[in-house]
Amino acid sequence: MRKGIIAALAIGLALPVFAESDTMKDVKDNAANATDSVKDTLHTDSGAEKTKRHAKRKMRNAKKDAPHEERREEGRQQGDRQQVASSPSRLGGRDA
């Protein structure tokens, strides 16, 4: 029992070391996109390879844009809440 707890703790503490940061993922994705753009410009691949590469690019871009969209949406929601909180309430009897 004790060994299991120690092993789980060690694994839990070691996982962040192996995790890839968002910045590194963005760098790798940008490099892959640049490679894909060069291949498109040179027309060096067949239709199947091109289709596969374009699908991978769409997935990379979707994964990269998803966290940014969530942050933008959270910012919009916070702005809406602040705007509602700062506007005078009609229920309070104070109409402007």
PDB file of N, CA and C in Angstrom:
ATOM      1  N   MET A   1       0.835  -1.191   0.000  1.00  0.00           N
ATOM      2  CA  MET A   1       0.000   0.000   0.000  1.00  0.00           C
ATOM      3  C   MET A   1       0.876   1.250   0.000  1.00  0.00           C
ATOM      4  N   ARG A   2       1.854   1.248   0.856  1.00  0.00           N
ATOM      5  CA  ARG A   2       2.733   2.407   0.980  1.00  0.00           C
ATOM      6  C   ARG A   2       3.560   2.604  -0.299  1.00  0.00           C
ATOM      7  N   LYS A   3       4.030   1.503  -0.871  1.00  0.00           N
ATOM      8  CA  LYS A   3       4.809   1.583  -2.104  1.00  0.00           C
ATOM      9  C   LYS A   3       3.955   2.125  -3.248  1.00  0.00           C
ATOM     10  N   GLY A   4       2.699   1.724  -3.285  1.00  0.00           N
ATOM     11  CA  GLY A   4       1.777   2.208  -4.321  1.00  0.00           C
ATOM     12  C   GLY A   4       1.550   3.701  -4.217  1.00  0.00           C
ATOM     13  N   ILE A   5       1.385   4.186  -3.000  1.00  0.00           N
ATOM     14  CA  ILE A   5       1.184   5.624  -2.788  1.00  0.00           C
ATOM     15  C   ILE A   5       2.438   6.392  -3.198  1.00  0.00           C
ATOM     16  N   ILE A   6       3.585   5.879  -2.835  1.00  0.00           N
ATOM     17  CA  ILE A   6       4.845   6.540  -3.185  1.00  0.00           C
ATOM     18  C   ILE A   6       5.033   6.545  -4.707  1.00  0.00           C
ATOM     19  N   ALA A   7       4.715   5.436  -5.350  1.00  0.00           N
ATOM     20  CA  ALA A   7       4.847   5.356  -6.804  1.00  0.00           C
ATOM     21  C   ALA A   7       3.891   6.334  -7.497  1.00  0.00           C
ATOM     22  N   ALA A   8       2.657   6.403  -7.017  1.00  0.00           N
ATOM     23  CA  ALA A   8       1.680   7.327  -7.608  1.00  0.00           C
ATOM     24  C   ALA A   8       2.115   8.779  -7.420  1.00  0.00           C
ATOM     25  N   LEU A   9       2.645   9.088  -6.268  1.00  0.00           N
ATOM     26  CA  LEU A   9       3.132  10.438  -5.999  1.00  0.00           C
ATOM     27  C   LEU A   9       4.315  10.783  -6.905  1.00  0.00           C
ATOM     28  N   ALA A  10       5.223   9.835  -7.063  1.00  0.00           N
ATOM     29  CA  ALA A  10       6.392  10.063  -7.920  1.00  0.00           C
ATOM     30  C   ALA A  10       5.971  10.276  -9.378  1.00  0.00           C
ATOM     31  N   ILE A  11       5.027   9.488  -9.850  1.00  0.00           N
ATOM     32  CA  ILE A  11       4.539   9.639 -11.227  1.00  0.00           C
ATOM     33  C   ILE A  11       3.829  10.980 -11.385  1.00  0.00           C
ATOM     34  N   GLY A  12       3.020  11.334 -10.420  1.00  0.00           N
ATOM     35  CA  GLY A  12       2.292  12.601 -10.465  1.00  0.00           C
ATOM     36  C   GLY A  12       3.220  13.807 -10.487  1.00  0.00           C
ATOM     37  N   LEU A  13       4.301  13.720  -9.748  1.00  0.00           N
ATOM     38  CA  LEU A  13       5.256  14.828  -9.718  1.00  0.00           C
ATOM     39  C   LEU A  13       6.147  14.854 -10.959  1.00  0.00           C
ATOM     40  N   ALA A  14       6.363  13.702 -11.585  1.00  0.00           N
ATOM     41  CA  ALA A  14       7.248  13.625 -12.742  1.00  0.00           C
ATOM     42  C   ALA A  14       6.545  14.000 -14.047  1.00  0.00           C
ATOM     43  N   LEU A  15       5.245  13.881 -14.127  1.00  0.00           N
ATOM     44  CA  LEU A  15       4.531  14.138 -15.372  1.00  0.00           C
ATOM     45  C   LEU A  15       4.701  15.566 -15.902  1.00  0.00           C
ATOM     46  N   PRO A  16       4.652  16.597 -15.086  1.00  0.00           N
ATOM     47  CA  PRO A  16       4.836  17.939 -15.633  1.00  0.00           C
ATOM     48  C   PRO A  16       6.197  18.140 -16.299  1.00  0.00           C
ATOM     49  N   VAL A  17       7.204  17.394 -15.889  1.00  0.00           N
ATOM     50  CA  VAL A  17       8.525  17.507 -16.503  1.00  0.00           C
ATOM     51  C   VAL A  17       8.467  17.066 -17.965  1.00  0.00           C
ATOM     52  N   PHE A  18       7.675  16.052 -18.261  1.00  0.00           N
ATOM     53  CA  PHE A  18       7.583  15.518 -19.607  1.00  0.00           C
ATOM     54  C   PHE A  18       6.523  16.217 -20.455  1.00  0.00           C
ATOM     55  N   ALA A  19       5.709  17.047 -19.835  1.00  0.00           N
ATOM     56  CA  ALA A  19       4.655  17.742 -20.579  1.00  0.00           C
ATOM     57  C   ALA A  19       5.269  18.825 -21.467  1.00  0.00           C
ATOM     58  N   GLU A  20       4.657  19.024 -22.609  1.00  0.00           N
ATOM     59  CA  GLU A  20       5.150  20.009 -23.560  1.00  0.00           C
ATOM     60  C   GLU A  20       4.426  21.331 -23.318  1.00  0.00           C
ATOM     61  N   SER A  21       5.159  22.419 -23.304  1.00  0.00           N
ATOM     62  CA  SER A  21       4.540  23.721 -23.074  1.00  0.00           C
ATOM     63  C   SER A  21       3.792  24.174 -24.326  1.00  0.00           C
ATOM     64  N   ASP A  22       2.871  25.102 -24.146  1.00  0.00           N
ATOM     65  CA  ASP A  22       2.111  25.624 -25.275  1.00  0.00           C
ATOM     66  C   ASP A  22       3.028  26.317 -26.281  1.00  0.00           C
ATOM     67  N   THR A  23       4.049  26.981 -25.771  1.00  0.00           N
ATOM     68  CA  THR A  23       4.973  27.676 -26.657  1.00  0.00           C
ATOM     69  C   THR A  23       5.716  26.688 -27.552  1.00  0.00           C
ATOM     70  N   MET A  24       6.180  25.596 -26.967  1.00  0.00           N
ATOM     71  CA  MET A  24       6.884  24.584 -27.770  1.00  0.00           C
ATOM     72  C   MET A  24       5.952  23.962 -28.810  1.00  0.00           C
ATOM     73  N   LYS A  25       4.712  23.722 -28.423  1.00  0.00           N
ATOM     74  CA  LYS A  25       3.757  23.160 -29.380  1.00  0.00           C
ATOM     75  C   LYS A  25       3.532  24.135 -30.531  1.00  0.00           C
ATOM     76  N   ASP A  26       3.408  25.428 -30.205  1.00  0.00           N
ATOM     77  CA  ASP A  26       3.214  26.432 -31.250  1.00  0.00           C
ATOM     78  C   ASP A  26       4.416  26.498 -32.188  1.00  0.00           C
ATOM     79  N   VAL A  27       5.623  26.407 -31.632  1.00  0.00           N
ATOM     80  CA  VAL A  27       6.831  26.441 -32.456  1.00  0.00           C
ATOM     81  C   VAL A  27       6.859  25.240 -33.400  1.00  0.00           C
ATOM     82  N   LYS A  28       6.569  24.054 -32.871  1.00  0.00           N
ATOM     83  CA  LYS A  28       6.558  22.851 -33.712  1.00  0.00           C
ATOM     84  C   LYS A  28       5.481  22.935 -34.793  1.00  0.00           C
ATOM     85  N   ASP A  29       4.301  23.436 -34.411  1.00  0.00           N
ATOM     86  CA  ASP A  29       3.216  23.568 -35.382  1.00  0.00           C
ATOM     87  C   ASP A  29       3.574  24.567 -36.477  1.00  0.00           C
ATOM     88  N   ASN A  30       4.193  25.675 -36.101  1.00  0.00           N
ATOM     89  CA  ASN A  30       4.585  26.672 -37.096  1.00  0.00           C
ATOM     90  C   ASN A  30       5.646  26.114 -38.046  1.00  0.00           C
ATOM     91  N   ALA A  31       6.570  25.337 -37.514  1.00  0.00           N
ATOM     92  CA  ALA A  31       7.587  24.713 -38.359  1.00  0.00           C
ATOM     93  C   ALA A  31       6.947  23.721 -39.329  1.00  0.00           C
ATOM     94  N   ALA A  32       6.015  22.932 -38.835  1.00  0.00           N
ATOM     95  CA  ALA A  32       5.325  21.964 -39.699  1.00  0.00           C
ATOM     96  C   ALA A  32       4.492  22.689 -40.763  1.00  0.00           C
ATOM     97  N   ASN A  33       3.853  23.793 -40.393  1.00  0.00           N
ATOM     98  CA  ASN A  33       3.080  24.566 -41.367  1.00  0.00           C
ATOM     99  C   ASN A  33       3.988  25.163 -42.445  1.00  0.00           C
ATOM    100  N   ALA A  34       5.171  25.623 -42.043  1.00  0.00           N
ATOM    101  CA  ALA A  34       6.121  26.173 -43.010  1.00  0.00           C
ATOM    102  C   ALA A  34       6.581  25.079 -43.984  1.00  0.00           C
ATOM    103  N   THR A  35       6.850  23.899 -43.453  1.00  0.00           N
ATOM    104  CA  THR A  35       7.248  22.770 -44.305  1.00  0.00           C
ATOM    105  C   THR A  35       6.136  22.427 -45.290  1.00  0.00           C
ATOM    106  N   ASP A  36       4.906  22.411 -44.791  1.00  0.00           N
ATOM    107  CA  ASP A  36       3.774  22.109 -45.656  1.00  0.00           C
ATOM    108  C   ASP A  36       3.616  23.168 -46.748  1.00  0.00           C
ATOM    109  N   SER A  37       3.822  24.419 -46.403  1.00  0.00           N
ATOM    110  CA  SER A  37       3.701  25.494 -47.391  1.00  0.00           C
ATOM    111  C   SER A  37       4.748  25.344 -48.489  1.00  0.00           C
ATOM    112  N   VAL A  38       5.961  24.966 -48.099  1.00  0.00           N
ATOM    113  CA  VAL A  38       7.022  24.764 -49.091  1.00  0.00           C
ATOM    114  C   VAL A  38       6.661  23.610 -50.016  1.00  0.00           C
ATOM    115  N   LYS A  39       6.160  22.520 -49.463  1.00  0.00           N
ATOM    116  CA  LYS A  39       5.764  21.372 -50.288  1.00  0.00           C
ATOM    117  C   LYS A  39       4.641  21.765 -51.239  1.00  0.00           C
ATOM    118  N   ASP A  40       3.698  22.600 -50.763  1.00  0.00           N
ATOM    119  CA  ASP A  40       2.620  23.052 -51.645  1.00  0.00           C
ATOM    120  C   ASP A  40       3.168  23.912 -52.780  1.00  0.00           C
ATOM    121  N   THR A  41       4.129  24.759 -52.457  1.00  0.00           N
ATOM    122  CA  THR A  41       4.706  25.637 -53.468  1.00  0.00           C
ATOM    123  C   THR A  41       5.477  24.851 -54.516  1.00  0.00           C
ATOM    124  N   LEU A  42       6.212  23.827 -54.073  1.00  0.00           N
ATOM    125  CA  LEU A  42       7.028  23.039 -54.997  1.00  0.00           C
ATOM    126  C   LEU A  42       6.240  21.976 -55.758  1.00  0.00           C
ATOM    127  N   HIS A  43       5.026  21.671 -55.280  1.00  0.00           N
ATOM    128  CA  HIS A  43       4.190  20.626 -55.902  1.00  0.00           C
ATOM    129  C   HIS A  43       4.944  19.302 -55.989  1.00  0.00           C
ATOM    130  N   THR A  44       5.529  18.872 -54.865  1.00  0.00           N
ATOM    131  CA  THR A  44       6.365  17.671 -54.889  1.00  0.00           C
ATOM    132  C   THR A  44       5.662  16.407 -54.410  1.00  0.00           C
ATOM    133  N   ASP A  45       4.387  16.478 -54.109  1.00  0.00           N
ATOM    134  CA  ASP A  45       3.732  15.289 -53.560  1.00  0.00           C
ATOM    135  C   ASP A  45       2.469  14.944 -54.335  1.00  0.00           C
ATOM    136  N   SER A  46       2.001  13.717 -54.098  1.00  0.00           N
ATOM    137  CA  SER A  46       0.814  13.231 -54.794  1.00  0.00           C
ATOM    138  C   SER A  46      -0.452  13.756 -54.117  1.00  0.00           C
ATOM    139  N   GLY A  47      -1.583  13.449 -54.703  1.00  0.00           N
ATOM    140  CA  GLY A  47      -2.859  13.914 -54.164  1.00  0.00           C
ATOM    141  C   GLY A  47      -3.168  13.368 -52.784  1.00  0.00           C
ATOM    142  N   ALA A  48      -2.879  12.088 -52.556  1.00  0.00           N
ATOM    143  CA  ALA A  48      -3.187  11.472 -51.262  1.00  0.00           C
ATOM    144  C   ALA A  48      -2.319  12.072 -50.157  1.00  0.00           C
ATOM    145  N   GLU A  49      -1.027  12.244 -50.450  1.00  0.00           N
ATOM    146  CA  GLU A  49      -0.136  12.833 -49.449  1.00  0.00           C
ATOM    147  C   GLU A  49      -0.527  14.274 -49.154  1.00  0.00           C
ATOM    148  N   LYS A  50      -0.915  14.978 -50.192  1.00  0.00           N
ATOM    149  CA  LYS A  50      -1.312  16.376 -50.039  1.00  0.00           C
ATOM    150  C   LYS A  50      -2.579  16.486 -49.188  1.00  0.00           C
ATOM    151  N   THR A  51      -3.533  15.623 -49.456  1.00  0.00           N
ATOM    152  CA  THR A  51      -4.778  15.622 -48.688  1.00  0.00           C
ATOM    153  C   THR A  51      -4.508  15.314 -47.223  1.00  0.00           C
ATOM    154  N   LYS A  52      -3.665  14.332 -46.982  1.00  0.00           N
ATOM    155  CA  LYS A  52      -3.320  13.951 -45.616  1.00  0.00           C
ATOM    156  C   LYS A  52      -2.614  15.110 -44.904  1.00  0.00           C
ATOM    157  N   ARG A  53      -1.705  15.764 -45.599  1.00  0.00           N
ATOM    158  CA  ARG A  53      -0.958  16.863 -45.016  1.00  0.00           C
ATOM    159  C   ARG A  53      -1.881  18.041 -44.693  1.00  0.00           C
ATOM    160  N   HIS A  54      -2.813  18.321 -45.579  1.00  0.00           N
ATOM    161  CA  HIS A  54      -3.750  19.417 -45.351  1.00  0.00           C
ATOM    162  C   HIS A  54      -4.679  19.118 -44.175  1.00  0.00           C
ATOM    163  N   ALA A  55      -5.074  17.865 -44.035  1.00  0.00           N
ATOM    164  CA  ALA A  55      -5.918  17.477 -42.897  1.00  0.00           C
ATOM    165  C   ALA A  55      -5.155  17.652 -41.593  1.00  0.00           C
ATOM    166  N   LYS A  56      -3.882  17.247 -41.583  1.00  0.00           N
ATOM    167  CA  LYS A  56      -3.062  17.420 -40.382  1.00  0.00           C
ATOM    168  C   LYS A  56      -2.898  18.900 -40.050  1.00  0.00           C
ATOM    169  N   ARG A  57      -2.723  19.718 -41.082  1.00  0.00           N
ATOM    170  CA  ARG A  57      -2.560  21.162 -40.856  1.00  0.00           C
ATOM    171  C   ARG A  57      -3.824  21.745 -40.234  1.00  0.00           C
ATOM    172  N   LYS A  58      -4.987  21.335 -40.739  1.00  0.00           N
ATOM    173  CA  LYS A  58      -6.249  21.829 -40.177  1.00  0.00           C
ATOM    174  C   LYS A  58      -6.378  21.433 -38.709  1.00  0.00           C
ATOM    175  N   MET A  59      -5.974  20.220 -38.376  1.00  0.00           N
ATOM    176  CA  MET A  59      -6.042  19.762 -36.990  1.00  0.00           C
ATOM    177  C   MET A  59      -5.079  20.561 -36.106  1.00  0.00           C
ATOM    178  N   ARG A  60      -3.861  20.789 -36.607  1.00  0.00           N
ATOM    179  CA  ARG A  60      -2.894  21.579 -35.837  1.00  0.00           C
ATOM    180  C   ARG A  60      -3.433  22.974 -35.570  1.00  0.00           C
ATOM    181  N   ASN A  61      -3.979  23.588 -36.596  1.00  0.00           N
ATOM    182  CA  ASN A  61      -4.496  24.942 -36.439  1.00  0.00           C
ATOM    183  C   ASN A  61      -5.713  24.976 -35.518  1.00  0.00           C
ATOM    184  N   ALA A  62      -6.560  23.970 -35.609  1.00  0.00           N
ATOM    185  CA  ALA A  62      -7.733  23.918 -34.732  1.00  0.00           C
ATOM    186  C   ALA A  62      -7.317  23.748 -33.276  1.00  0.00           C
ATOM    187  N   LYS A  63      -6.329  22.876 -33.033  1.00  0.00           N
ATOM    188  CA  LYS A  63      -5.855  22.670 -31.665  1.00  0.00           C
ATOM    189  C   LYS A  63      -5.191  23.923 -31.127  1.00  0.00           C
ATOM    190  N   LYS A  64      -4.482  24.635 -32.004  1.00  0.00           N
ATOM    191  CA  LYS A  64      -3.783  25.841 -31.573  1.00  0.00           C
ATOM    192  C   LYS A  64      -4.778  26.968 -31.285  1.00  0.00           C
ATOM    193  N   ASP A  65      -5.839  27.063 -32.085  1.00  0.00           N
ATOM    194  CA  ASP A  65      -6.810  28.143 -31.930  1.00  0.00           C
ATOM    195  C   ASP A  65      -7.805  27.896 -30.808  1.00  0.00           C
ATOM    196  N   ALA A  66      -8.033  26.646 -30.441  1.00  0.00           N
ATOM    197  CA  ALA A  66      -9.042  26.330 -29.429  1.00  0.00           C
ATOM    198  C   ALA A  66      -8.759  26.989 -28.077  1.00  0.00           C
ATOM    199  N   PRO A  67      -7.566  26.874 -27.498  1.00  0.00           N
ATOM    200  CA  PRO A  67      -7.340  27.526 -26.207  1.00  0.00           C
ATOM    201  C   PRO A  67      -7.449  29.045 -26.298  1.00  0.00           C
ATOM    202  N   HIS A  68      -7.046  29.613 -27.431  1.00  0.00           N
ATOM    203  CA  HIS A  68      -7.129  31.055 -27.591  1.00  0.00           C
ATOM    204  C   HIS A  68      -8.586  31.498 -27.666  1.00  0.00           C
ATOM    205  N   GLU A  69      -9.441  30.726 -28.311  1.00  0.00           N
ATOM    206  CA  GLU A  69     -10.856  31.034 -28.393  1.00  0.00           C
ATOM    207  C   GLU A  69     -11.495  30.989 -27.016  1.00  0.00           C
ATOM    208  N   GLU A  70     -11.114  29.980 -26.209  1.00  0.00           N
ATOM    209  CA  GLU A  70     -11.676  29.866 -24.868  1.00  0.00           C
ATOM    210  C   GLU A  70     -11.315  31.089 -24.035  1.00  0.00           C
ATOM    211  N   ARG A  71     -10.067  31.547 -24.150  1.00  0.00           N
ATOM    212  CA  ARG A  71      -9.654  32.726 -23.397  1.00  0.00           C
ATOM    213  C   ARG A  71     -10.414  33.961 -23.860  1.00  0.00           C
ATOM    214  N   ARG A  72     -10.600  34.091 -25.187  1.00  0.00           N
ATOM    215  CA  ARG A  72     -11.345  35.245 -25.705  1.00  0.00           C
ATOM    216  C   ARG A  72     -12.785  35.212 -25.203  1.00  0.00           C
ATOM    217  N   GLU A  73     -13.390  34.026 -25.218  1.00  0.00           N
ATOM    218  CA  GLU A  73     -14.776  33.897 -24.765  1.00  0.00           C
ATOM    219  C   GLU A  73     -14.884  34.224 -23.284  1.00  0.00           C
ATOM    220  N   GLU A  74     -13.932  33.760 -22.479  1.00  0.00           N
ATOM    221  CA  GLU A  74     -13.951  34.077 -21.048  1.00  0.00           C
ATOM    222  C   GLU A  74     -13.828  35.574 -20.832  1.00  0.00           C
ATOM    223  N   GLY A  75     -12.985  36.226 -21.622  1.00  0.00           N
ATOM    224  CA  GLY A  75     -12.829  37.674 -21.524  1.00  0.00           C
ATOM    225  C   GLY A  75     -14.115  38.398 -21.873  1.00  0.00           C
ATOM    226  N   ARG A  76     -14.810  37.926 -22.895  1.00  0.00           N
ATOM    227  CA  ARG A  76     -16.088  38.535 -23.277  1.00  0.00           C
ATOM    228  C   ARG A  76     -17.106  38.369 -22.160  1.00  0.00           C
ATOM    229  N   GLN A  77     -17.154  37.187 -21.572  1.00  0.00           N
ATOM    230  CA  GLN A  77     -18.117  36.942 -20.504  1.00  0.00           C
ATOM    231  C   GLN A  77     -17.823  37.814 -19.291  1.00  0.00           C
ATOM    232  N   GLN A  78     -16.544  37.968 -18.950  1.00  0.00           N
ATOM    233  CA  GLN A  78     -16.185  38.814 -17.821  1.00  0.00           C
ATOM    234  C   GLN A  78     -16.549  40.263 -18.109  1.00  0.00           C
ATOM    235  N   GLY A  79     -16.321  40.714 -19.337  1.00  0.00           N
ATOM    236  CA  GLY A  79     -16.681  42.078 -19.713  1.00  0.00           C
ATOM    237  C   GLY A  79     -18.176  42.301 -19.619  1.00  0.00           C
ATOM    238  N   ASP A  80     -18.961  41.312 -20.042  1.00  0.00           N
ATOM    239  CA  ASP A  80     -20.415  41.420 -19.948  1.00  0.00           C
ATOM    240  C   ASP A  80     -20.860  41.488 -18.495  1.00  0.00           C
ATOM    241  N   ARG A  81     -20.234  40.667 -17.647  1.00  0.00           N
ATOM    242  CA  ARG A  81     -20.593  40.688 -16.228  1.00  0.00           C
ATOM    243  C   ARG A  81     -20.259  42.029 -15.595  1.00  0.00           C
ATOM    244  N   GLN A  82     -19.104  42.592 -15.942  1.00  0.00           N
ATOM    245  CA  GLN A  82     -18.719  43.887 -15.386  1.00  0.00           C
ATOM    246  C   GLN A  82     -19.654  44.970 -15.871  1.00  0.00           C
ATOM    247  N   GLN A  83     -20.078  44.906 -17.114  1.00  0.00           N
ATOM    248  CA  GLN A  83     -20.971  45.910 -17.667  1.00  0.00           C
ATOM    249  C   GLN A  83     -22.324  45.841 -16.973  1.00  0.00           C
ATOM    250  N   VAL A  84     -22.821  44.633 -16.745  1.00  0.00           N
ATOM    251  CA  VAL A  84     -24.107  44.464 -16.063  1.00  0.00           C
ATOM    252  C   VAL A  84     -23.993  44.931 -14.615  1.00  0.00           C
ATOM    253  N   ALA A  85     -22.885  44.626 -13.967  1.00  0.00           N
ATOM    254  CA  ALA A  85     -22.712  45.008 -12.570  1.00  0.00           C
ATOM    255  C   ALA A  85     -22.601  46.514 -12.417  1.00  0.00           C
ATOM    256  N   SER A  86     -22.041  47.209 -13.396  1.00  0.00           N
ATOM    257  CA  SER A  86     -21.862  48.646 -13.266  1.00  0.00           C
ATOM    258  C   SER A  86     -23.095  49.436 -13.691  1.00  0.00           C
ATOM    259  N   SER A  87     -24.033  48.819 -14.412  1.00  0.00           N
ATOM    260  CA  SER A  87     -25.224  49.540 -14.847  1.00  0.00           C
ATOM    261  C   SER A  87     -26.225  49.607 -13.694  1.00  0.00           C
ATOM    262  N   PRO A  88     -26.964  50.724 -13.592  1.00  0.00           N
ATOM    263  CA  PRO A  88     -27.938  50.857 -12.500  1.00  0.00           C
ATOM    264  C   PRO A  88     -29.074  49.848 -12.662  1.00  0.00           C
ATOM    265  N   SER A  89     -29.496  49.319 -11.585  1.00  0.00           N
ATOM    266  CA  SER A  89     -30.546  48.307 -11.593  1.00  0.00           C
ATOM    267  C   SER A  89     -31.902  48.972 -11.626  1.00  0.00           C
ATOM    268  N   ARG A  90     -32.772  48.487 -12.470  1.00  0.00           N
ATOM    269  CA  ARG A  90     -34.135  49.031 -12.523  1.00  0.00           C
ATOM    270  C   ARG A  90     -34.963  48.526 -11.340  1.00  0.00           C
ATOM    271  N   LEU A  91     -34.549  47.430 -10.743  1.00  0.00           N
ATOM    272  CA  LEU A  91     -35.276  46.902  -9.596  1.00  0.00           C
ATOM    273  C   LEU A  91     -35.004  47.710  -8.340  1.00  0.00           C
ATOM    274  N   GLY A  92     -33.923  48.452  -8.309  1.00  0.00           N
ATOM    275  CA  GLY A  92     -33.550  49.218  -7.131  1.00  0.00           C
ATOM    276  C   GLY A  92     -34.313  50.517  -7.001  1.00  0.00           C
ATOM    277  N   GLY A  93     -35.117  50.889  -7.992  1.00  0.00           N
ATOM    278  CA  GLY A  93     -35.911  52.101  -7.898  1.00  0.00           C
ATOM    279  C   GLY A  93     -35.181  53.325  -8.431  1.00  0.00           C
ATOM    280  N   ARG A  94     -33.983  53.178  -8.977  1.00  0.00           N
ATOM    281  CA  ARG A  94     -33.239  54.319  -9.480  1.00  0.00           C
ATOM    282  C   ARG A  94     -33.192  54.251 -10.993  1.00  0.00           C
ATOM    283  N   ASP A  95     -34.130  54.893 -11.644  1.00  0.00           N
ATOM    284  CA  ASP A  95     -34.143  54.948 -13.114  1.00  0.00           C
ATOM    285  C   ASP A  95     -33.419  56.206 -13.560  1.00  0.00           C
ATOM    286  N   ALA A  96     -32.603  56.050 -14.595  1.00  0.00           N
ATOM    287  CA  ALA A  96     -31.850  57.208 -15.071  1.00  0.00           C
ATOM    288  C   ALA A  96     -32.626  57.954 -16.126  1.00  0.00           C
TER     289      ALA A  96
END
